[in-house]
Amino acid sequence: MFGHAIKDQLLSFTLISGGGALLGAVTACFVPLPAAEAWPYLVVSAVLHVAYMALLMRSFTLGDFGQMYPIARGTAPLVVTVLAAVFVGEQPDGWATAGVAVACAGLVGVALWGIRGSQARPHWPAITAALATGLTIAGYTTVDGVGVRASGTSLGYIAWLMILEGLAVPAYTLYRRRGQLAAQLRPFAARGLLGAALSVIAYGLVLWAQTKAPLAPIAALRESSIIVGAAIGSVFFKERFGAPRIAAAGLMVIGIGLMLHTS
C-alpha cells in the first residue's frame, strides 16, 4: 500500500527493497546465522520475491489497486493450501476444504466484477498479472515455511532473506535511472523506509508463526487484509468498487475464516 501511494512504482519498490536490505544487514550482525539446510530455500525464496515485486508492479500499472490487491492476496492462501498438502504433508480438514471453495468463489467474483472505468468486461491482462502475483506469493510462502523451520532462527532467516531479495530492485533502478536516482528518491525516502520497516516486521512475524503452526492457516490469516486493501483503494485512491465486489471480497474473507477453523 505504501508502494501504491508513491506513483512511480519503481521508486517505491526501490525504497522498500533497499530499506529492507539495510535493516536485514543490521539485524544479521546480532542474530545467529541460519543453518546450512536453510540456504537453498533462502535463495529460491529471494528469486520468488523479486518475481513477485516485478509482477505486482505490472498488475498495479494495468489495473486498479482495489481489484488487483484482493486477487493477488486472495490467490495465495488457496494455492498454499494445495502446496502444503503436496510438499509438506499438511492435509486440510473439511473446514479448510470448504474455505478453499468459498474463497475461490469470492476470488472469481472480485475478478469478474472488477471492471475498470467504462469497460464492459474485466481487464484480463491486469487480472492475469494479479493471479501470477498471487502464485509467486504462494510459492515464497511455502518455500519460506519450510526454510524457516530448517534454519533454527527466525530472525536470522528474515535478516538474510531481506539482504538477498533486497538488492535486485535497487540495482536495476540504479542502472535505469543513473545520475537521477538520488534526487528522485529524496522526496519519498522517509515514507519508503517506514514502509520497509513495517514490511520486514510484518513478514518476520509471519515467518515466526510458520514455525509454530501449519502453513495454510497462517497464509490465510495473513491475507485477511483483503477487505482493508479493497477499502483503501476505494477511499484513498478513488477507485470504483461497488456492492458486487464488496460482497465478493467478503466471500473471500469468509472462506479464509473457514480455513482457520479448527475441528
C-alpha atoms as a PDB file:
ATOM      1  CA  MET A   1       0.000   0.000   0.000  1.00  0.00           C
ATOM      2  CA  PHE A   2       2.953   2.313   0.656  1.00  0.00           C
ATOM      3  CA  GLY A   3       4.162   1.378  -2.817  1.00  0.00           C
ATOM      4  CA  HIS A   4       0.872   2.291  -4.453  1.00  0.00           C
ATOM      5  CA  ALA A   5       0.796   5.685  -2.700  1.00  0.00           C
ATOM      6  CA  ILE A   6       4.041   6.626  -4.490  1.00  0.00           C
ATOM      7  CA  LYS A   7       3.054   6.960  -8.142  1.00  0.00           C
ATOM      8  CA  ASP A   8       6.452   5.917  -9.501  1.00  0.00           C
ATOM      9  CA  GLN A   9       6.241   2.209  -8.712  1.00  0.00           C
ATOM     10  CA  LEU A  10       9.905   1.521  -9.462  1.00  0.00           C
ATOM     11  CA  LEU A  11      10.978   4.161  -6.941  1.00  0.00           C
ATOM     12  CA  SER A  12       8.604   2.864  -4.285  1.00  0.00           C
ATOM     13  CA  PHE A  13       9.822  -0.719  -4.615  1.00  0.00           C
ATOM     14  CA  THR A  14      13.424   0.508  -4.640  1.00  0.00           C
ATOM     15  CA  LEU A  15      12.884   2.238  -1.292  1.00  0.00           C
ATOM     16  CA  ILE A  16      11.100  -0.710   0.273  1.00  0.00           C
ATOM     17  CA  SER A  17      13.566  -3.293  -1.054  1.00  0.00           C
ATOM     18  CA  GLY A  18      16.649  -1.242  -0.312  1.00  0.00           C
ATOM     19  CA  GLY A  19      15.383  -0.318   3.137  1.00  0.00           C
ATOM     20  CA  GLY A  20      14.631  -3.966   3.838  1.00  0.00           C
ATOM     21  CA  ALA A  21      18.144  -4.973   2.774  1.00  0.00           C
ATOM     22  CA  LEU A  22      19.628  -2.325   5.074  1.00  0.00           C
ATOM     23  CA  LEU A  23      17.532  -3.473   8.032  1.00  0.00           C
ATOM     24  CA  GLY A  24      18.420  -7.084   7.238  1.00  0.00           C
ATOM     25  CA  ALA A  25      22.139  -6.276   7.200  1.00  0.00           C
ATOM     26  CA  VAL A  26      21.939  -4.558  10.588  1.00  0.00           C
ATOM     27  CA  THR A  27      19.874  -7.388  12.076  1.00  0.00           C
ATOM     28  CA  ALA A  28      22.220 -10.057  10.691  1.00  0.00           C
ATOM     29  CA  CYS A  29      25.040  -8.644  12.845  1.00  0.00           C
ATOM     30  CA  PHE A  30      23.184  -9.537  16.047  1.00  0.00           C
ATOM     31  CA  VAL A  31      21.387 -12.820  15.317  1.00  0.00           C
ATOM     32  CA  PRO A  32      22.552 -16.396  14.586  1.00  0.00           C
ATOM     33  CA  LEU A  33      23.346 -17.471  11.038  1.00  0.00           C
ATOM     34  CA  PRO A  34      20.682 -19.749   9.516  1.00  0.00           C
ATOM     35  CA  ALA A  35      21.570 -23.444   9.395  1.00  0.00           C
ATOM     36  CA  ALA A  36      23.122 -24.741   6.177  1.00  0.00           C
ATOM     37  CA  GLU A  37      19.923 -26.637   5.297  1.00  0.00           C
ATOM     38  CA  ALA A  38      18.020 -23.341   5.042  1.00  0.00           C
ATOM     39  CA  TRP A  39      20.200 -21.623   2.438  1.00  0.00           C
ATOM     40  CA  PRO A  40      18.736 -23.300  -0.682  1.00  0.00           C
ATOM     41  CA  TYR A  41      15.303 -22.167   0.483  1.00  0.00           C
ATOM     42  CA  LEU A  42      16.609 -18.645   1.073  1.00  0.00           C
ATOM     43  CA  VAL A  43      17.974 -18.428  -2.476  1.00  0.00           C
ATOM     44  CA  VAL A  44      14.795 -19.773  -4.090  1.00  0.00           C
ATOM     45  CA  SER A  45      12.632 -17.505  -1.922  1.00  0.00           C
ATOM     46  CA  ALA A  46      14.699 -14.444  -2.860  1.00  0.00           C
ATOM     47  CA  VAL A  47      14.163 -15.199  -6.561  1.00  0.00           C
ATOM     48  CA  LEU A  48      10.414 -15.634  -5.997  1.00  0.00           C
ATOM     49  CA  HIS A  49      10.228 -12.382  -4.030  1.00  0.00           C
ATOM     50  CA  VAL A  50      11.890 -10.466  -6.864  1.00  0.00           C
ATOM     51  CA  ALA A  51       9.452 -12.032  -9.352  1.00  0.00           C
ATOM     52  CA  TYR A  52       6.597 -11.084  -7.012  1.00  0.00           C
ATOM     53  CA  MET A  53       7.678  -7.431  -6.924  1.00  0.00           C
ATOM     54  CA  ALA A  54       8.001  -7.283 -10.708  1.00  0.00           C
ATOM     55  CA  LEU A  55       4.561  -8.822 -11.225  1.00  0.00           C
ATOM     56  CA  LEU A  56       2.969  -6.633  -8.557  1.00  0.00           C
ATOM     57  CA  MET A  57       4.322  -3.501 -10.233  1.00  0.00           C
ATOM     58  CA  ARG A  58       2.929  -4.768 -13.513  1.00  0.00           C
ATOM     59  CA  SER A  59      -0.511  -5.505 -12.053  1.00  0.00           C
ATOM     60  CA  PHE A  60      -0.747  -2.045 -10.437  1.00  0.00           C
ATOM     61  CA  THR A  61       0.194  -0.496 -13.782  1.00  0.00           C
ATOM     62  CA  LEU A  62      -2.511  -2.401 -15.655  1.00  0.00           C
ATOM     63  CA  GLY A  63      -5.353  -2.404 -13.128  1.00  0.00           C
ATOM     64  CA  ASP A  64      -6.919  -0.701 -10.123  1.00  0.00           C
ATOM     65  CA  PHE A  65      -5.444  -1.286  -6.683  1.00  0.00           C
ATOM     66  CA  GLY A  66      -8.879  -2.215  -5.287  1.00  0.00           C
ATOM     67  CA  GLN A  67      -9.142  -5.078  -7.786  1.00  0.00           C
ATOM     68  CA  MET A  68      -5.506  -6.180  -8.068  1.00  0.00           C
ATOM     69  CA  TYR A  69      -4.879  -6.379  -4.325  1.00  0.00           C
ATOM     70  CA  PRO A  70      -7.748  -8.792  -3.491  1.00  0.00           C
ATOM     71  CA  ILE A  71      -6.933 -11.028  -6.459  1.00  0.00           C
ATOM     72  CA  ALA A  72      -3.195 -11.187  -5.739  1.00  0.00           C
ATOM     73  CA  ARG A  73      -3.528 -11.646  -1.995  1.00  0.00           C
ATOM     74  CA  GLY A  74      -6.618 -13.866  -2.193  1.00  0.00           C
ATOM     75  CA  THR A  75      -4.988 -16.328  -4.572  1.00  0.00           C
ATOM     76  CA  ALA A  76      -2.108 -17.064  -2.193  1.00  0.00           C
ATOM     77  CA  PRO A  77      -3.838 -18.962   0.670  1.00  0.00           C
ATOM     78  CA  LEU A  78      -5.728 -21.112  -1.808  1.00  0.00           C
ATOM     79  CA  VAL A  79      -2.524 -22.208  -3.541  1.00  0.00           C
ATOM     80  CA  VAL A  80      -0.592 -22.529  -0.255  1.00  0.00           C
ATOM     81  CA  THR A  81      -3.230 -24.980   0.970  1.00  0.00           C
ATOM     82  CA  VAL A  82      -2.520 -27.210  -2.033  1.00  0.00           C
ATOM     83  CA  LEU A  83       1.263 -26.805  -1.887  1.00  0.00           C
ATOM     84  CA  ALA A  84       1.376 -27.522   1.849  1.00  0.00           C
ATOM     85  CA  ALA A  85      -0.650 -30.695   1.325  1.00  0.00           C
ATOM     86  CA  VAL A  86       1.513 -31.927  -1.559  1.00  0.00           C
ATOM     87  CA  PHE A  87       5.005 -30.936  -0.425  1.00  0.00           C
ATOM     88  CA  VAL A  88       4.796 -30.576   3.368  1.00  0.00           C
ATOM     89  CA  GLY A  89       2.192 -33.222   4.174  1.00  0.00           C
ATOM     90  CA  GLU A  90      -0.178 -30.786   5.912  1.00  0.00           C
ATOM     91  CA  GLN A  91      -3.562 -32.143   4.815  1.00  0.00           C
ATOM     92  CA  PRO A  92      -6.557 -29.763   5.089  1.00  0.00           C
ATOM     93  CA  ASP A  93      -9.619 -30.915   7.016  1.00  0.00           C
ATOM     94  CA  GLY A  94     -13.226 -30.495   5.894  1.00  0.00           C
ATOM     95  CA  TRP A  95     -13.460 -26.909   7.119  1.00  0.00           C
ATOM     96  CA  ALA A  96     -10.309 -25.899   5.268  1.00  0.00           C
ATOM     97  CA  THR A  97     -11.546 -27.557   2.077  1.00  0.00           C
ATOM     98  CA  ALA A  98     -14.847 -25.687   2.346  1.00  0.00           C
ATOM     99  CA  GLY A  99     -12.911 -22.496   2.958  1.00  0.00           C
ATOM    100  CA  VAL A 100     -10.911 -23.016  -0.229  1.00  0.00           C
ATOM    101  CA  ALA A 101     -14.125 -23.451  -2.225  1.00  0.00           C
ATOM    102  CA  VAL A 102     -15.784 -20.351  -0.743  1.00  0.00           C
ATOM    103  CA  ALA A 103     -12.661 -18.214  -1.140  1.00  0.00           C
ATOM    104  CA  CYS A 104     -12.313 -19.343  -4.765  1.00  0.00           C
ATOM    105  CA  ALA A 105     -15.881 -18.232  -5.434  1.00  0.00           C
ATOM    106  CA  GLY A 106     -15.097 -14.844  -3.924  1.00  0.00           C
ATOM    107  CA  LEU A 107     -11.900 -14.585  -5.934  1.00  0.00           C
ATOM    108  CA  VAL A 108     -13.771 -15.228  -9.178  1.00  0.00           C
ATOM    109  CA  GLY A 109     -16.337 -12.611  -8.159  1.00  0.00           C
ATOM    110  CA  VAL A 110     -13.721  -9.951  -7.496  1.00  0.00           C
ATOM    111  CA  ALA A 111     -12.112 -10.688 -10.866  1.00  0.00           C
ATOM    112  CA  LEU A 112     -15.309 -10.735 -12.925  1.00  0.00           C
ATOM    113  CA  TRP A 113     -16.806  -7.659 -11.261  1.00  0.00           C
ATOM    114  CA  GLY A 114     -13.520  -5.775 -11.389  1.00  0.00           C
ATOM    115  CA  ILE A 115     -14.496  -3.526 -14.278  1.00  0.00           C
ATOM    116  CA  ARG A 116     -12.140  -0.626 -14.807  1.00  0.00           C
ATOM    117  CA  GLY A 117     -13.505   2.716 -15.976  1.00  0.00           C
ATOM    118  CA  SER A 118     -16.187   2.362 -18.616  1.00  0.00           C
ATOM    119  CA  GLN A 119     -15.109  -1.038 -19.891  1.00  0.00           C
ATOM    120  CA  ALA A 120     -17.927  -3.553 -20.229  1.00  0.00           C
ATOM    121  CA  ARG A 121     -15.766  -6.528 -19.262  1.00  0.00           C
ATOM    122  CA  PRO A 122     -12.896  -7.380 -16.918  1.00  0.00           C
ATOM    123  CA  HIS A 123      -9.419  -6.257 -17.871  1.00  0.00           C
ATOM    124  CA  TRP A 124      -7.859  -9.675 -18.429  1.00  0.00           C
ATOM    125  CA  PRO A 125      -4.179  -8.657 -18.755  1.00  0.00           C
ATOM    126  CA  ALA A 126      -4.413  -6.970 -15.354  1.00  0.00           C
ATOM    127  CA  ILE A 127      -6.201  -9.975 -13.845  1.00  0.00           C
ATOM    128  CA  THR A 128      -3.590 -12.334 -15.289  1.00  0.00           C
ATOM    129  CA  ALA A 129      -0.774 -10.262 -13.768  1.00  0.00           C
ATOM    130  CA  ALA A 130      -2.533 -10.245 -10.394  1.00  0.00           C
ATOM    131  CA  LEU A 131      -3.076 -14.018 -10.490  1.00  0.00           C
ATOM    132  CA  ALA A 132       0.594 -14.546 -11.367  1.00  0.00           C
ATOM    133  CA  THR A 133       1.474 -12.298  -8.431  1.00  0.00           C
ATOM    134  CA  GLY A 134      -0.637 -14.492  -6.173  1.00  0.00           C
ATOM    135  CA  LEU A 135       1.163 -17.604  -7.409  1.00  0.00           C
ATOM    136  CA  THR A 136       4.544 -16.104  -6.535  1.00  0.00           C
ATOM    137  CA  ILE A 137       3.223 -15.174  -3.072  1.00  0.00           C
ATOM    138  CA  ALA A 138       2.093 -18.770  -2.574  1.00  0.00           C
ATOM    139  CA  GLY A 139       5.453 -20.027  -3.818  1.00  0.00           C
ATOM    140  CA  TYR A 140       7.604 -17.968  -1.482  1.00  0.00           C
ATOM    141  CA  THR A 141       5.213 -18.527   1.432  1.00  0.00           C
ATOM    142  CA  THR A 142       5.581 -22.292   1.097  1.00  0.00           C
ATOM    143  CA  VAL A 143       9.330 -22.167   0.494  1.00  0.00           C
ATOM    144  CA  ASP A 144       9.841 -19.858   3.471  1.00  0.00           C
ATOM    145  CA  GLY A 145       7.632 -22.014   5.677  1.00  0.00           C
ATOM    146  CA  VAL A 146       9.917 -24.980   5.092  1.00  0.00           C
ATOM    147  CA  GLY A 147      13.100 -22.917   5.090  1.00  0.00           C
ATOM    148  CA  VAL A 148      12.493 -21.065   8.342  1.00  0.00           C
ATOM    149  CA  ARG A 149      11.767 -24.354  10.103  1.00  0.00           C
ATOM    150  CA  ALA A 150      15.099 -25.712   8.874  1.00  0.00           C
ATOM    151  CA  SER A 151      17.014 -22.528   9.749  1.00  0.00           C
ATOM    152  CA  GLY A 152      16.869 -22.782  13.519  1.00  0.00           C
ATOM    153  CA  THR A 153      16.474 -18.992  13.765  1.00  0.00           C
ATOM    154  CA  SER A 154      13.506 -16.961  12.551  1.00  0.00           C
ATOM    155  CA  LEU A 155      15.394 -13.685  12.969  1.00  0.00           C
ATOM    156  CA  GLY A 156      18.442 -14.957  11.108  1.00  0.00           C
ATOM    157  CA  TYR A 157      16.266 -16.253   8.278  1.00  0.00           C
ATOM    158  CA  ILE A 158      14.340 -12.995   7.803  1.00  0.00           C
ATOM    159  CA  ALA A 159      17.547 -10.941   8.019  1.00  0.00           C
ATOM    160  CA  TRP A 160      19.294 -12.861   5.251  1.00  0.00           C
ATOM    161  CA  LEU A 161      16.139 -13.081   3.166  1.00  0.00           C
ATOM    162  CA  MET A 162      15.867  -9.280   3.227  1.00  0.00           C
ATOM    163  CA  ILE A 163      19.529  -8.985   2.215  1.00  0.00           C
ATOM    164  CA  LEU A 164      19.264 -11.460  -0.666  1.00  0.00           C
ATOM    165  CA  GLU A 165      15.996 -10.182  -2.100  1.00  0.00           C
ATOM    166  CA  GLY A 166      16.548  -6.507  -1.337  1.00  0.00           C
ATOM    167  CA  LEU A 167      19.463  -5.816  -3.657  1.00  0.00           C
ATOM    168  CA  ALA A 168      17.953  -6.741  -7.034  1.00  0.00           C
ATOM    169  CA  VAL A 169      15.409  -3.922  -7.456  1.00  0.00           C
ATOM    170  CA  PRO A 170      17.738  -1.095  -6.272  1.00  0.00           C
ATOM    171  CA  ALA A 171      20.470  -2.397  -8.597  1.00  0.00           C
ATOM    172  CA  TYR A 172      18.049  -2.417 -11.543  1.00  0.00           C
ATOM    173  CA  THR A 173      16.765   1.062 -10.689  1.00  0.00           C
ATOM    174  CA  LEU A 174      20.313   2.397 -10.388  1.00  0.00           C
ATOM    175  CA  TYR A 175      21.004   1.042 -13.870  1.00  0.00           C
ATOM    176  CA  ARG A 176      17.819   2.596 -15.308  1.00  0.00           C
ATOM    177  CA  ARG A 177      17.997   5.964 -13.519  1.00  0.00           C
ATOM    178  CA  ARG A 178      21.743   6.650 -13.352  1.00  0.00           C
ATOM    179  CA  GLY A 179      22.541  10.168 -12.267  1.00  0.00           C
ATOM    180  CA  GLN A 180      18.922  10.898 -11.331  1.00  0.00           C
ATOM    181  CA  LEU A 181      18.118   8.299  -8.681  1.00  0.00           C
ATOM    182  CA  ALA A 182      19.197  10.201  -5.558  1.00  0.00           C
ATOM    183  CA  ALA A 183      17.149  13.270  -6.469  1.00  0.00           C
ATOM    184  CA  GLN A 184      14.121  11.156  -7.348  1.00  0.00           C
ATOM    185  CA  LEU A 185      14.273   9.141  -4.118  1.00  0.00           C
ATOM    186  CA  ARG A 186      14.801  12.060  -1.735  1.00  0.00           C
ATOM    187  CA  PRO A 187      11.170  13.317  -1.527  1.00  0.00           C
ATOM    188  CA  PHE A 188       9.878   9.838  -0.681  1.00  0.00           C
ATOM    189  CA  ALA A 189      12.737   8.498   1.440  1.00  0.00           C
ATOM    190  CA  ALA A 190      11.031   8.720   4.846  1.00  0.00           C
ATOM    191  CA  ARG A 191       7.771   7.183   3.613  1.00  0.00           C
ATOM    192  CA  GLY A 192       9.554   4.408   1.746  1.00  0.00           C
ATOM    193  CA  LEU A 193      11.834   3.495   4.650  1.00  0.00           C
ATOM    194  CA  LEU A 194       8.862   3.395   7.007  1.00  0.00           C
ATOM    195  CA  GLY A 195       7.164   1.043   4.581  1.00  0.00           C
ATOM    196  CA  ALA A 196      10.308  -1.107   4.504  1.00  0.00           C
ATOM    197  CA  ALA A 197      10.430  -1.326   8.300  1.00  0.00           C
ATOM    198  CA  LEU A 198       6.758  -2.289   8.547  1.00  0.00           C
ATOM    199  CA  SER A 199       7.178  -4.856   5.763  1.00  0.00           C
ATOM    200  CA  VAL A 200      10.156  -6.506   7.473  1.00  0.00           C
ATOM    201  CA  ILE A 201       8.383  -6.624  10.846  1.00  0.00           C
ATOM    202  CA  ALA A 202       5.168  -7.977   9.342  1.00  0.00           C
ATOM    203  CA  TYR A 203       6.822 -10.733   7.343  1.00  0.00           C
ATOM    204  CA  GLY A 204       9.151 -11.556  10.222  1.00  0.00           C
ATOM    205  CA  LEU A 205       6.075 -12.245  12.355  1.00  0.00           C
ATOM    206  CA  VAL A 206       4.667 -14.452   9.592  1.00  0.00           C
ATOM    207  CA  LEU A 207       7.892 -16.472   9.465  1.00  0.00           C
ATOM    208  CA  TRP A 208       7.911 -16.886  13.232  1.00  0.00           C
ATOM    209  CA  ALA A 209       4.277 -18.028  13.144  1.00  0.00           C
ATOM    210  CA  GLN A 210       5.126 -20.586  10.452  1.00  0.00           C
ATOM    211  CA  THR A 211       7.454 -22.298  12.919  1.00  0.00           C
ATOM    212  CA  LYS A 212       4.538 -22.714  15.342  1.00  0.00           C
ATOM    213  CA  ALA A 213       1.562 -23.663  13.121  1.00  0.00           C
ATOM    214  CA  PRO A 214       0.670 -25.223   9.730  1.00  0.00           C
ATOM    215  CA  LEU A 215       1.377 -23.098   6.668  1.00  0.00           C
ATOM    216  CA  ALA A 216      -2.123 -22.784   5.176  1.00  0.00           C
ATOM    217  CA  PRO A 217      -3.872 -21.206   8.218  1.00  0.00           C
ATOM    218  CA  ILE A 218      -1.020 -18.711   8.638  1.00  0.00           C
ATOM    219  CA  ALA A 219      -1.218 -17.762   4.966  1.00  0.00           C
ATOM    220  CA  ALA A 220      -4.986 -17.406   5.277  1.00  0.00           C
ATOM    221  CA  LEU A 221      -4.759 -15.223   8.363  1.00  0.00           C
ATOM    222  CA  ARG A 222      -2.165 -13.022   6.676  1.00  0.00           C
ATOM    223  CA  GLU A 223      -4.484 -12.354   3.756  1.00  0.00           C
ATOM    224  CA  SER A 224      -7.402 -11.225   5.925  1.00  0.00           C
ATOM    225  CA  SER A 225      -6.262  -7.717   4.958  1.00  0.00           C
ATOM    226  CA  ILE A 226      -8.041  -8.158   1.607  1.00  0.00           C
ATOM    227  CA  ILE A 227     -11.095  -6.159   2.660  1.00  0.00           C
ATOM    228  CA  VAL A 228      -8.915  -3.416   4.148  1.00  0.00           C
ATOM    229  CA  GLY A 229      -6.892  -3.195   0.947  1.00  0.00           C
ATOM    230  CA  ALA A 230     -10.016  -3.003  -1.184  1.00  0.00           C
ATOM    231  CA  ALA A 231     -11.441  -0.284   1.069  1.00  0.00           C
ATOM    232  CA  ILE A 232      -8.207   1.724   0.839  1.00  0.00           C
ATOM    233  CA  GLY A 233      -8.363   1.519  -2.945  1.00  0.00           C
ATOM    234  CA  SER A 234     -11.892   2.918  -2.864  1.00  0.00           C
ATOM    235  CA  VAL A 235     -11.475   5.613  -0.189  1.00  0.00           C
ATOM    236  CA  PHE A 236      -7.950   6.909  -0.737  1.00  0.00           C
ATOM    237  CA  PHE A 237      -7.268   6.128  -4.399  1.00  0.00           C
ATOM    238  CA  LYS A 238     -10.845   6.929  -5.546  1.00  0.00           C
ATOM    239  CA  GLU A 239     -11.269   3.603  -7.340  1.00  0.00           C
ATOM    240  CA  ARG A 240     -14.803   2.435  -8.030  1.00  0.00           C
ATOM    241  CA  PHE A 241     -15.567  -0.697  -6.014  1.00  0.00           C
ATOM    242  CA  GLY A 242     -19.331  -1.189  -5.718  1.00  0.00           C
ATOM    243  CA  ALA A 243     -21.586  -3.614  -3.853  1.00  0.00           C
ATOM    244  CA  PRO A 244     -20.888  -6.724  -6.004  1.00  0.00           C
ATOM    245  CA  ARG A 245     -17.150  -6.550  -5.453  1.00  0.00           C
ATOM    246  CA  ILE A 246     -17.640  -5.779  -1.748  1.00  0.00           C
ATOM    247  CA  ALA A 247     -19.752  -8.939  -1.494  1.00  0.00           C
ATOM    248  CA  ALA A 248     -17.185 -10.975  -3.450  1.00  0.00           C
ATOM    249  CA  ALA A 249     -14.273  -9.731  -1.326  1.00  0.00           C
ATOM    250  CA  GLY A 250     -16.320 -10.504   1.785  1.00  0.00           C
ATOM    251  CA  LEU A 251     -16.855 -14.038   0.478  1.00  0.00           C
ATOM    252  CA  MET A 252     -13.092 -14.425   0.144  1.00  0.00           C
ATOM    253  CA  VAL A 253     -12.624 -13.392   3.787  1.00  0.00           C
ATOM    254  CA  ILE A 254     -15.330 -15.865   4.900  1.00  0.00           C
ATOM    255  CA  GLY A 255     -13.503 -18.606   3.025  1.00  0.00           C
ATOM    256  CA  ILE A 256     -10.237 -17.641   4.704  1.00  0.00           C
ATOM    257  CA  GLY A 257     -12.039 -17.754   8.058  1.00  0.00           C
ATOM    258  CA  LEU A 258     -13.197 -21.296   7.332  1.00  0.00           C
ATOM    259  CA  MET A 259      -9.615 -22.283   6.561  1.00  0.00           C
ATOM    260  CA  LEU A 260      -8.663 -21.046  10.025  1.00  0.00           C
ATOM    261  CA  HIS A 261     -11.379 -23.101  11.741  1.00  0.00           C
ATOM    262  CA  THR A 262     -10.057 -25.911  13.905  1.00  0.00           C
ATOM    263  CA  SER A 263     -12.143 -29.012  14.450  1.00  0.00           C
END
